[in-house]
Structure formats: C-alpha cells, structure tokens
Amino acid sequence: MATTQDSTQTTPTPNESDAEAESENEAPRQTTAALKNKLQQFLEGARKRLEEVKQKIESLRDDDRAALQQQRDDSEKRMKVQRDREHELRANAESWQKERDTITDEQIAQWRESGEIDKLQSHADRAEEYALNAVIIAMMEADEVEQAVLEALSIRIDAGLAGS
C-alpha cells in the first residue's frame, strides 16, 4: 500500500482508501444480494406450493371422495415427514427471538465502533437464518392449510351424503 508520511503516522493514499472502502462496502451488498436471492427463491416456492393446493382443491368434484381421500393421505404423509424439521425450525426461531431481545441497538453500535466484525457477522447470520427458516415454516404451513381444507371438504361431502 502506498502511503504518505507525516512526522507521526502513515496514512493510505486517497485512491487506495477509496478502493478499500469500496471493497468493504461491496461485501455486505453481495451478501445482501445473496440473501435477497435466497428469500425470493423460497417465496417463489411457497407461492407455487399454495397455487398447487388451490388447483388441487379446484379440481375436486363434489362427489370424488376417493380422490379427496388420496390427496388427504398424501398431504398427511408430507406433514409427518416435515414435523420434526418444523419443530427444529420453530425452536431455532424461538432461540433467535430470545437472542434478538437481549441484544440492544447500543450493543450493535458499540460492536460497529469497536470493529467487532465477528459479532456483527454472527448477528447478521442468525438474522438471515431466521428469515429463511420463517419462509420454510410458511411453506410447511401450506401443507397444514391443504390438510385442513381437504378435511373440511371431506366432512362436508359426508354430511351431504348422509342428508341425501
């Protein structure tokens, strides 16, 4: 690094300072862009999942009990497989919320001032993990929505058949 010398200290030349600052600013932008991209992918997956549920429901005929039961069974199997993972994600989310509540804005400002990048990065990583997990949980809840709707339809069909 080229420096200019005064009697007491060494300082970077203006061009190098700008390049270093630009490089430091670029890393968070890349990380932010990656997070946005991940979130968009997960949200698109959730949107598609909900659209699938909607189409399945719309395709059912009122008297198609066998198809309805098959969809309920498929949905229940997916939910069972996901249940442990969902509990893990919810526990992680609860842990993050507790952690977030203990960290004050003043602490974060202090970390910035004292250059405690590891703490800031760890905090950002946990926040990112929470956001992604929240989207995954929402996708899992789409299966629960599907199960509830299919069950309601099945019960309504049974009630209609019993009344006829």
N, C-alpha and C. Protein backbone atom coordinates (compact mmCIF):
# COMPACT_ATOMS: atom_id res chain seq x y z
N MET A 1 0.85 -1.17 0.00
CA MET A 1 0.00 0.00 0.00
C MET A 1 0.89 1.23 0.00
N ALA A 2 0.68 2.16 -0.91
CA ALA A 2 1.43 3.41 -0.97
C ALA A 2 0.95 4.31 0.15
N THR A 3 1.86 5.01 0.77
CA THR A 3 1.47 5.85 1.90
C THR A 3 2.09 7.21 1.76
N THR A 4 1.47 8.15 2.45
CA THR A 4 2.07 9.47 2.57
C THR A 4 2.54 9.56 4.00
N GLN A 5 3.70 10.12 4.18
CA GLN A 5 4.28 10.18 5.51
C GLN A 5 4.17 11.58 6.08
N ASP A 6 3.71 11.65 7.32
CA ASP A 6 3.91 12.88 8.06
C ASP A 6 4.83 12.50 9.20
N SER A 7 5.06 13.36 10.14
CA SER A 7 6.05 13.08 11.16
C SER A 7 5.61 11.99 12.14
N THR A 8 4.29 11.67 12.26
CA THR A 8 3.87 10.72 13.28
C THR A 8 3.14 9.49 12.77
N GLN A 9 2.53 9.54 11.60
CA GLN A 9 1.72 8.39 11.19
C GLN A 9 1.79 8.14 9.69
N THR A 10 1.35 6.93 9.34
CA THR A 10 1.28 6.52 7.95
C THR A 10 -0.19 6.45 7.57
N THR A 11 -0.56 7.06 6.44
CA THR A 11 -1.95 7.02 6.01
C THR A 11 -2.01 6.55 4.57
N PRO A 12 -3.07 5.86 4.20
CA PRO A 12 -3.20 5.42 2.82
C PRO A 12 -3.42 6.60 1.89
N THR A 13 -3.00 6.45 0.66
CA THR A 13 -3.25 7.49 -0.32
C THR A 13 -4.74 7.52 -0.61
N PRO A 14 -5.28 8.63 -1.08
CA PRO A 14 -6.71 8.74 -1.32
C PRO A 14 -7.27 7.65 -2.22
N ASN A 15 -6.59 7.29 -3.30
CA ASN A 15 -7.11 6.26 -4.20
C ASN A 15 -7.20 4.91 -3.52
N GLU A 16 -6.21 4.56 -2.71
CA GLU A 16 -6.25 3.28 -2.01
C GLU A 16 -7.34 3.28 -0.95
N SER A 17 -7.54 4.37 -0.25
CA SER A 17 -8.59 4.46 0.76
C SER A 17 -9.95 4.24 0.12
N ASP A 18 -10.15 4.87 -1.04
CA ASP A 18 -11.42 4.72 -1.74
C ASP A 18 -11.63 3.27 -2.17
N ALA A 19 -10.58 2.64 -2.67
CA ALA A 19 -10.70 1.25 -3.14
C ALA A 19 -10.99 0.32 -1.96
N GLU A 20 -10.31 0.54 -0.82
CA GLU A 20 -10.56 -0.30 0.35
C GLU A 20 -11.98 -0.11 0.87
N ALA A 21 -12.43 1.13 0.94
CA ALA A 21 -13.79 1.39 1.41
C ALA A 21 -14.82 0.79 0.46
N GLU A 22 -14.56 0.90 -0.82
CA GLU A 22 -15.47 0.34 -1.81
C GLU A 22 -15.53 -1.18 -1.66
N SER A 23 -14.36 -1.79 -1.44
CA SER A 23 -14.30 -3.25 -1.26
C SER A 23 -15.07 -3.66 0.00
N GLU A 24 -14.90 -2.93 1.10
CA GLU A 24 -15.61 -3.23 2.34
C GLU A 24 -17.11 -3.07 2.15
N ASN A 25 -17.54 -2.07 1.41
CA ASN A 25 -18.96 -1.84 1.17
C ASN A 25 -19.54 -2.89 0.22
N GLU A 26 -18.70 -3.42 -0.67
CA GLU A 26 -19.16 -4.39 -1.67
C GLU A 26 -19.54 -5.71 -1.01
N ALA A 27 -18.81 -6.15 0.00
CA ALA A 27 -19.08 -7.44 0.64
C ALA A 27 -20.49 -7.49 1.24
N PRO A 28 -20.92 -6.49 2.01
CA PRO A 28 -22.29 -6.55 2.52
C PRO A 28 -23.33 -6.53 1.40
N ARG A 29 -23.05 -5.78 0.32
CA ARG A 29 -24.00 -5.74 -0.80
C ARG A 29 -24.14 -7.11 -1.44
N GLN A 30 -23.01 -7.81 -1.61
CA GLN A 30 -23.05 -9.15 -2.20
C GLN A 30 -23.81 -10.09 -1.28
N THR A 31 -23.55 -10.01 0.02
CA THR A 31 -24.24 -10.86 0.99
C THR A 31 -25.72 -10.53 1.00
N THR A 32 -26.05 -9.26 0.96
CA THR A 32 -27.45 -8.84 0.94
C THR A 32 -28.12 -9.33 -0.34
N ALA A 33 -27.43 -9.23 -1.45
CA ALA A 33 -27.99 -9.70 -2.71
C ALA A 33 -28.22 -11.22 -2.66
N ALA A 34 -27.29 -11.94 -2.07
CA ALA A 34 -27.45 -13.40 -1.95
C ALA A 34 -28.64 -13.73 -1.07
N LEU A 35 -28.80 -13.00 0.03
CA LEU A 35 -29.94 -13.23 0.92
C LEU A 35 -31.24 -12.93 0.19
N LYS A 36 -31.29 -11.81 -0.51
CA LYS A 36 -32.50 -11.47 -1.26
C LYS A 36 -32.83 -12.55 -2.28
N ASN A 37 -31.80 -13.04 -2.94
CA ASN A 37 -32.00 -14.08 -3.95
C ASN A 37 -32.55 -15.36 -3.29
N LYS A 38 -31.97 -15.77 -2.16
CA LYS A 38 -32.46 -16.95 -1.46
C LYS A 38 -33.91 -16.77 -1.03
N LEU A 39 -34.20 -15.62 -0.45
CA LEU A 39 -35.56 -15.36 0.01
C LEU A 39 -36.54 -15.36 -1.15
N GLN A 40 -36.16 -14.77 -2.26
CA GLN A 40 -37.03 -14.76 -3.43
C GLN A 40 -37.29 -16.17 -3.93
N GLN A 41 -36.26 -17.01 -3.91
CA GLN A 41 -36.44 -18.40 -4.34
C GLN A 41 -37.39 -19.14 -3.41
N PHE A 42 -37.20 -18.99 -2.10
CA PHE A 42 -38.08 -19.65 -1.14
C PHE A 42 -39.51 -19.13 -1.25
N LEU A 43 -39.66 -17.82 -1.40
CA LEU A 43 -41.00 -17.25 -1.51
C LEU A 43 -41.69 -17.71 -2.79
N GLU A 44 -40.91 -17.83 -3.86
CA GLU A 44 -41.47 -18.34 -5.11
C GLU A 44 -41.90 -19.79 -4.92
N GLY A 45 -41.13 -20.56 -4.19
CA GLY A 45 -41.50 -21.94 -3.89
C GLY A 45 -42.78 -22.00 -3.08
N ALA A 46 -42.91 -21.11 -2.11
CA ALA A 46 -44.13 -21.07 -1.29
C ALA A 46 -45.33 -20.67 -2.14
N ARG A 47 -45.14 -19.70 -3.02
CA ARG A 47 -46.23 -19.27 -3.89
C ARG A 47 -46.69 -20.41 -4.78
N LYS A 48 -45.72 -21.13 -5.35
CA LYS A 48 -46.05 -22.27 -6.21
C LYS A 48 -46.77 -23.35 -5.42
N ARG A 49 -46.33 -23.59 -4.20
CA ARG A 49 -46.96 -24.61 -3.35
C ARG A 49 -48.41 -24.25 -3.07
N LEU A 50 -48.66 -23.00 -2.75
CA LEU A 50 -50.04 -22.57 -2.49
C LEU A 50 -50.89 -22.64 -3.75
N GLU A 51 -50.28 -22.34 -4.89
CA GLU A 51 -51.01 -22.44 -6.16
C GLU A 51 -51.37 -23.90 -6.45
N GLU A 52 -50.45 -24.82 -6.15
CA GLU A 52 -50.74 -26.24 -6.32
C GLU A 52 -51.92 -26.67 -5.45
N VAL A 53 -51.92 -26.22 -4.21
CA VAL A 53 -53.02 -26.55 -3.29
C VAL A 53 -54.33 -26.01 -3.85
N LYS A 54 -54.30 -24.78 -4.32
CA LYS A 54 -55.50 -24.17 -4.88
C LYS A 54 -56.01 -24.97 -6.07
N GLN A 55 -55.12 -25.36 -6.97
CA GLN A 55 -55.51 -26.12 -8.16
C GLN A 55 -56.06 -27.50 -7.78
N LYS A 56 -55.45 -28.14 -6.78
CA LYS A 56 -55.96 -29.45 -6.34
C LYS A 56 -57.39 -29.32 -5.83
N ILE A 57 -57.62 -28.30 -5.05
CA ILE A 57 -58.95 -28.10 -4.46
C ILE A 57 -59.96 -27.79 -5.56
N GLU A 58 -59.56 -26.93 -6.49
CA GLU A 58 -60.48 -26.57 -7.58
C GLU A 58 -60.79 -27.76 -8.48
N SER A 59 -59.86 -28.71 -8.59
CA SER A 59 -60.06 -29.84 -9.50
C SER A 59 -60.95 -30.93 -8.90
N LEU A 60 -61.19 -30.87 -7.62
CA LEU A 60 -62.03 -31.90 -6.99
C LEU A 60 -63.49 -31.71 -7.36
N ARG A 61 -64.12 -32.82 -7.65
CA ARG A 61 -65.57 -32.78 -7.84
C ARG A 61 -66.22 -33.07 -6.50
N ASP A 62 -67.41 -32.58 -6.33
CA ASP A 62 -68.09 -32.74 -5.05
C ASP A 62 -68.26 -34.19 -4.63
N ASP A 63 -68.36 -35.09 -5.59
CA ASP A 63 -68.61 -36.48 -5.25
C ASP A 63 -67.37 -37.37 -5.38
N ASP A 64 -66.21 -36.78 -5.60
CA ASP A 64 -65.00 -37.56 -5.82
C ASP A 64 -64.29 -37.83 -4.48
N ARG A 65 -64.89 -38.67 -3.69
CA ARG A 65 -64.38 -38.96 -2.35
C ARG A 65 -63.04 -39.68 -2.41
N ALA A 66 -62.84 -40.58 -3.37
CA ALA A 66 -61.59 -41.33 -3.46
C ALA A 66 -60.41 -40.40 -3.74
N ALA A 67 -60.58 -39.49 -4.67
CA ALA A 67 -59.50 -38.53 -4.98
C ALA A 67 -59.23 -37.63 -3.79
N LEU A 68 -60.29 -37.22 -3.14
CA LEU A 68 -60.14 -36.38 -1.95
C LEU A 68 -59.37 -37.11 -0.86
N GLN A 69 -59.73 -38.36 -0.63
CA GLN A 69 -59.04 -39.15 0.40
C GLN A 69 -57.57 -39.36 0.03
N GLN A 70 -57.28 -39.60 -1.24
CA GLN A 70 -55.90 -39.77 -1.67
C GLN A 70 -55.09 -38.50 -1.43
N GLN A 71 -55.66 -37.36 -1.74
CA GLN A 71 -54.97 -36.09 -1.51
C GLN A 71 -54.76 -35.86 -0.02
N ARG A 72 -55.74 -36.20 0.78
CA ARG A 72 -55.59 -36.06 2.24
C ARG A 72 -54.46 -36.95 2.74
N ASP A 73 -54.40 -38.19 2.25
CA ASP A 73 -53.35 -39.12 2.66
C ASP A 73 -51.97 -38.61 2.26
N ASP A 74 -51.86 -38.12 1.02
CA ASP A 74 -50.59 -37.57 0.54
C ASP A 74 -50.16 -36.38 1.39
N SER A 75 -51.08 -35.51 1.68
CA SER A 75 -50.79 -34.33 2.49
C SER A 75 -50.36 -34.73 3.90
N GLU A 76 -51.04 -35.70 4.46
CA GLU A 76 -50.71 -36.17 5.81
C GLU A 76 -49.31 -36.77 5.85
N LYS A 77 -48.95 -37.54 4.83
CA LYS A 77 -47.60 -38.13 4.76
C LYS A 77 -46.53 -37.04 4.72
N ARG A 78 -46.76 -36.02 3.88
CA ARG A 78 -45.80 -34.90 3.80
C ARG A 78 -45.66 -34.21 5.15
N MET A 79 -46.78 -34.01 5.81
CA MET A 79 -46.75 -33.32 7.10
C MET A 79 -45.99 -34.13 8.14
N LYS A 80 -46.18 -35.44 8.16
CA LYS A 80 -45.46 -36.29 9.12
C LYS A 80 -43.96 -36.23 8.88
N VAL A 81 -43.57 -36.29 7.63
CA VAL A 81 -42.14 -36.23 7.29
C VAL A 81 -41.55 -34.89 7.73
N GLN A 82 -42.30 -33.83 7.60
CA GLN A 82 -41.79 -32.49 7.89
C GLN A 82 -41.89 -32.10 9.37
N ARG A 83 -42.66 -32.82 10.13
CA ARG A 83 -42.97 -32.42 11.50
C ARG A 83 -41.71 -32.19 12.35
N ASP A 84 -40.77 -33.14 12.34
CA ASP A 84 -39.55 -32.99 13.14
C ASP A 84 -38.75 -31.78 12.68
N ARG A 85 -38.63 -31.61 11.39
CA ARG A 85 -37.89 -30.46 10.85
C ARG A 85 -38.57 -29.15 11.24
N GLU A 86 -39.90 -29.15 11.20
CA GLU A 86 -40.64 -27.95 11.58
C GLU A 86 -40.41 -27.60 13.05
N HIS A 87 -40.41 -28.61 13.90
CA HIS A 87 -40.15 -28.37 15.33
C HIS A 87 -38.74 -27.79 15.54
N GLU A 88 -37.79 -28.33 14.79
CA GLU A 88 -36.42 -27.84 14.86
C GLU A 88 -36.35 -26.37 14.41
N LEU A 89 -37.02 -26.06 13.31
CA LEU A 89 -37.01 -24.69 12.79
C LEU A 89 -37.70 -23.73 13.75
N ARG A 90 -38.80 -24.17 14.33
CA ARG A 90 -39.51 -23.31 15.30
C ARG A 90 -38.66 -23.07 16.55
N ALA A 91 -37.96 -24.09 17.02
CA ALA A 91 -37.08 -23.93 18.18
C ALA A 91 -35.95 -22.96 17.85
N ASN A 92 -35.41 -23.07 16.65
CA ASN A 92 -34.36 -22.16 16.21
C ASN A 92 -34.89 -20.73 16.14
N ALA A 93 -36.12 -20.57 15.65
CA ALA A 93 -36.73 -19.24 15.55
C ALA A 93 -36.94 -18.65 16.95
N GLU A 94 -37.40 -19.48 17.87
CA GLU A 94 -37.61 -19.01 19.24
C GLU A 94 -36.29 -18.60 19.88
N SER A 95 -35.25 -19.38 19.63
CA SER A 95 -33.92 -19.07 20.14
C SER A 95 -33.44 -17.72 19.59
N TRP A 96 -33.64 -17.50 18.29
CA TRP A 96 -33.25 -16.23 17.68
C TRP A 96 -34.01 -15.07 18.30
N GLN A 97 -35.30 -15.23 18.51
CA GLN A 97 -36.11 -14.16 19.07
C GLN A 97 -35.62 -13.79 20.47
N LYS A 98 -35.26 -14.78 21.27
CA LYS A 98 -34.72 -14.51 22.61
C LYS A 98 -33.38 -13.81 22.50
N GLU A 99 -32.54 -14.30 21.60
CA GLU A 99 -31.24 -13.68 21.39
C GLU A 99 -31.39 -12.23 20.94
N ARG A 100 -32.30 -12.01 19.99
CA ARG A 100 -32.53 -10.66 19.46
C ARG A 100 -33.00 -9.72 20.56
N ASP A 101 -33.84 -10.23 21.46
CA ASP A 101 -34.34 -9.39 22.54
C ASP A 101 -33.26 -8.99 23.53
N THR A 102 -32.18 -9.78 23.62
CA THR A 102 -31.11 -9.45 24.57
C THR A 102 -30.07 -8.51 23.98
N ILE A 103 -30.05 -8.38 22.66
CA ILE A 103 -29.06 -7.52 22.01
C ILE A 103 -29.69 -6.18 21.71
N THR A 104 -29.12 -5.15 22.28
CA THR A 104 -29.67 -3.81 22.11
C THR A 104 -29.03 -3.10 20.92
N ASP A 105 -29.71 -2.06 20.47
CA ASP A 105 -29.15 -1.23 19.39
C ASP A 105 -27.84 -0.61 19.83
N GLU A 106 -27.74 -0.31 21.11
CA GLU A 106 -26.50 0.26 21.65
C GLU A 106 -25.35 -0.74 21.53
N GLN A 107 -25.64 -2.01 21.83
CA GLN A 107 -24.60 -3.04 21.71
C GLN A 107 -24.12 -3.14 20.27
N ILE A 108 -25.06 -3.14 19.35
CA ILE A 108 -24.70 -3.24 17.93
C ILE A 108 -23.86 -2.04 17.52
N ALA A 109 -24.25 -0.86 17.97
CA ALA A 109 -23.47 0.35 17.67
C ALA A 109 -22.07 0.24 18.27
N GLN A 110 -21.99 -0.31 19.47
CA GLN A 110 -20.69 -0.49 20.12
C GLN A 110 -19.83 -1.48 19.33
N TRP A 111 -20.44 -2.56 18.86
CA TRP A 111 -19.69 -3.54 18.06
C TRP A 111 -19.15 -2.86 16.80
N ARG A 112 -19.96 -2.01 16.18
CA ARG A 112 -19.52 -1.30 14.97
C ARG A 112 -18.34 -0.39 15.28
N GLU A 113 -18.50 0.38 16.35
CA GLU A 113 -17.45 1.34 16.72
C GLU A 113 -16.14 0.65 17.06
N SER A 114 -16.24 -0.49 17.77
CA SER A 114 -15.01 -1.17 18.19
C SER A 114 -14.52 -2.18 17.17
N GLY A 115 -15.21 -2.25 16.02
CA GLY A 115 -14.76 -3.12 14.94
C GLY A 115 -14.91 -4.60 15.23
N GLU A 116 -15.89 -4.96 16.03
CA GLU A 116 -16.13 -6.37 16.36
C GLU A 116 -16.95 -7.02 15.23
N ILE A 117 -16.27 -7.20 14.13
CA ILE A 117 -16.90 -7.71 12.91
C ILE A 117 -17.47 -9.11 13.13
N ASP A 118 -16.76 -9.94 13.88
CA ASP A 118 -17.24 -11.31 14.12
C ASP A 118 -18.61 -11.31 14.79
N LYS A 119 -18.79 -10.43 15.76
CA LYS A 119 -20.10 -10.35 16.44
C LYS A 119 -21.17 -9.83 15.49
N LEU A 120 -20.83 -8.84 14.70
CA LEU A 120 -21.79 -8.30 13.74
C LEU A 120 -22.15 -9.34 12.69
N GLN A 121 -21.15 -10.06 12.20
CA GLN A 121 -21.40 -11.09 11.20
C GLN A 121 -22.25 -12.22 11.77
N SER A 122 -21.95 -12.62 12.99
CA SER A 122 -22.72 -13.68 13.64
C SER A 122 -24.17 -13.26 13.82
N HIS A 123 -24.37 -12.02 14.23
CA HIS A 123 -25.72 -11.48 14.41
C HIS A 123 -26.46 -11.44 13.06
N ALA A 124 -25.77 -11.03 12.03
CA ALA A 124 -26.37 -10.98 10.69
C ALA A 124 -26.68 -12.39 10.19
N ASP A 125 -25.77 -13.33 10.43
CA ASP A 125 -26.00 -14.72 10.01
C ASP A 125 -27.23 -15.29 10.69
N ARG A 126 -27.39 -15.03 11.99
CA ARG A 126 -28.55 -15.54 12.73
C ARG A 126 -29.84 -14.90 12.21
N ALA A 127 -29.79 -13.61 11.91
CA ALA A 127 -30.98 -12.94 11.38
C ALA A 127 -31.35 -13.52 10.02
N GLU A 128 -30.36 -13.78 9.19
CA GLU A 128 -30.60 -14.37 7.87
C GLU A 128 -31.18 -15.77 8.01
N GLU A 129 -30.61 -16.55 8.90
CA GLU A 129 -31.11 -17.91 9.14
C GLU A 129 -32.57 -17.87 9.60
N TYR A 130 -32.89 -16.94 10.48
CA TYR A 130 -34.26 -16.79 10.97
C TYR A 130 -35.21 -16.46 9.81
N ALA A 131 -34.81 -15.53 8.96
CA ALA A 131 -35.66 -15.13 7.85
C ALA A 131 -35.92 -16.31 6.91
N LEU A 132 -34.87 -17.05 6.57
CA LEU A 132 -35.04 -18.20 5.69
C LEU A 132 -35.91 -19.28 6.34
N ASN A 133 -35.68 -19.52 7.62
CA ASN A 133 -36.48 -20.52 8.33
C ASN A 133 -37.94 -20.11 8.41
N ALA A 134 -38.20 -18.82 8.57
CA ALA A 134 -39.59 -18.35 8.62
C ALA A 134 -40.31 -18.65 7.31
N VAL A 135 -39.61 -18.48 6.20
CA VAL A 135 -40.20 -18.78 4.90
C VAL A 135 -40.44 -20.29 4.76
N ILE A 136 -39.48 -21.09 5.20
CA ILE A 136 -39.64 -22.55 5.13
C ILE A 136 -40.82 -22.99 5.99
N ILE A 137 -40.95 -22.42 7.17
CA ILE A 137 -42.08 -22.74 8.04
C ILE A 137 -43.39 -22.38 7.35
N ALA A 138 -43.42 -21.25 6.69
CA ALA A 138 -44.63 -20.84 5.97
C ALA A 138 -44.97 -21.86 4.88
N MET A 139 -43.95 -22.37 4.21
CA MET A 139 -44.19 -23.38 3.18
C MET A 139 -44.76 -24.66 3.80
N MET A 140 -44.24 -25.02 4.96
CA MET A 140 -44.75 -26.20 5.66
C MET A 140 -46.19 -25.98 6.11
N GLU A 141 -46.49 -24.77 6.48
CA GLU A 141 -47.86 -24.46 6.91
C GLU A 141 -48.83 -24.55 5.74
N ALA A 142 -48.34 -24.40 4.52
CA ALA A 142 -49.20 -24.57 3.35
C ALA A 142 -49.74 -26.00 3.32
N ASP A 143 -48.93 -26.96 3.72
CA ASP A 143 -49.41 -28.34 3.80
C ASP A 143 -50.50 -28.48 4.86
N GLU A 144 -50.33 -27.78 5.97
CA GLU A 144 -51.36 -27.82 7.01
C GLU A 144 -52.66 -27.18 6.52
N VAL A 145 -52.54 -26.11 5.76
CA VAL A 145 -53.72 -25.46 5.17
C VAL A 145 -54.40 -26.44 4.23
N GLU A 146 -53.60 -27.08 3.38
CA GLU A 146 -54.17 -28.06 2.45
C GLU A 146 -54.90 -29.16 3.22
N GLN A 147 -54.26 -29.69 4.26
CA GLN A 147 -54.87 -30.76 5.05
C GLN A 147 -56.19 -30.30 5.66
N ALA A 148 -56.22 -29.11 6.22
CA ALA A 148 -57.44 -28.59 6.85
C ALA A 148 -58.56 -28.41 5.82
N VAL A 149 -58.23 -27.88 4.67
CA VAL A 149 -59.24 -27.66 3.62
C VAL A 149 -59.77 -29.00 3.11
N LEU A 150 -58.86 -29.95 2.86
CA LEU A 150 -59.29 -31.25 2.38
C LEU A 150 -60.16 -31.97 3.40
N GLU A 151 -59.80 -31.84 4.66
CA GLU A 151 -60.61 -32.45 5.72
C GLU A 151 -61.99 -31.81 5.78
N ALA A 152 -62.05 -30.51 5.68
CA ALA A 152 -63.34 -29.81 5.71
C ALA A 152 -64.20 -30.24 4.52
N LEU A 153 -63.58 -30.34 3.36
CA LEU A 153 -64.33 -30.78 2.17
C LEU A 153 -64.84 -32.21 2.35
N SER A 154 -64.01 -33.07 2.88
CA SER A 154 -64.40 -34.45 3.10
C SER A 154 -65.56 -34.55 4.08
N ILE A 155 -65.49 -33.80 5.13
CA ILE A 155 -66.57 -33.81 6.12
C ILE A 155 -67.85 -33.24 5.52
N ARG A 156 -67.72 -32.20 4.70
CA ARG A 156 -68.89 -31.61 4.05
C ARG A 156 -69.53 -32.62 3.08
N ILE A 157 -68.70 -33.35 2.34
CA ILE A 157 -69.22 -34.37 1.44
C ILE A 157 -69.95 -35.45 2.23
N ASP A 158 -69.35 -35.90 3.34
CA ASP A 158 -70.00 -36.91 4.18
C ASP A 158 -71.34 -36.40 4.70
N ALA A 159 -71.37 -35.15 5.12
CA ALA A 159 -72.62 -34.59 5.64
C ALA A 159 -73.67 -34.53 4.52
N GLY A 160 -73.24 -34.16 3.32
CA GLY A 160 -74.16 -34.09 2.19
C GLY A 160 -74.69 -35.46 1.81
N LEU A 161 -73.83 -36.45 1.85
CA LEU A 161 -74.25 -37.82 1.51
C LEU A 161 -75.18 -38.38 2.57
N ALA A 162 -74.92 -38.06 3.81
CA ALA A 162 -75.78 -38.54 4.90
C ALA A 162 -77.15 -37.91 4.81
N GLY A 163 -77.24 -36.69 4.32
CA GLY A 163 -78.50 -35.99 4.24
C GLY A 163 -79.32 -36.36 3.02
N SER A 164 -78.72 -37.07 2.07
CA SER A 164 -79.48 -37.38 0.84
C SER A 164 -80.10 -38.75 0.86
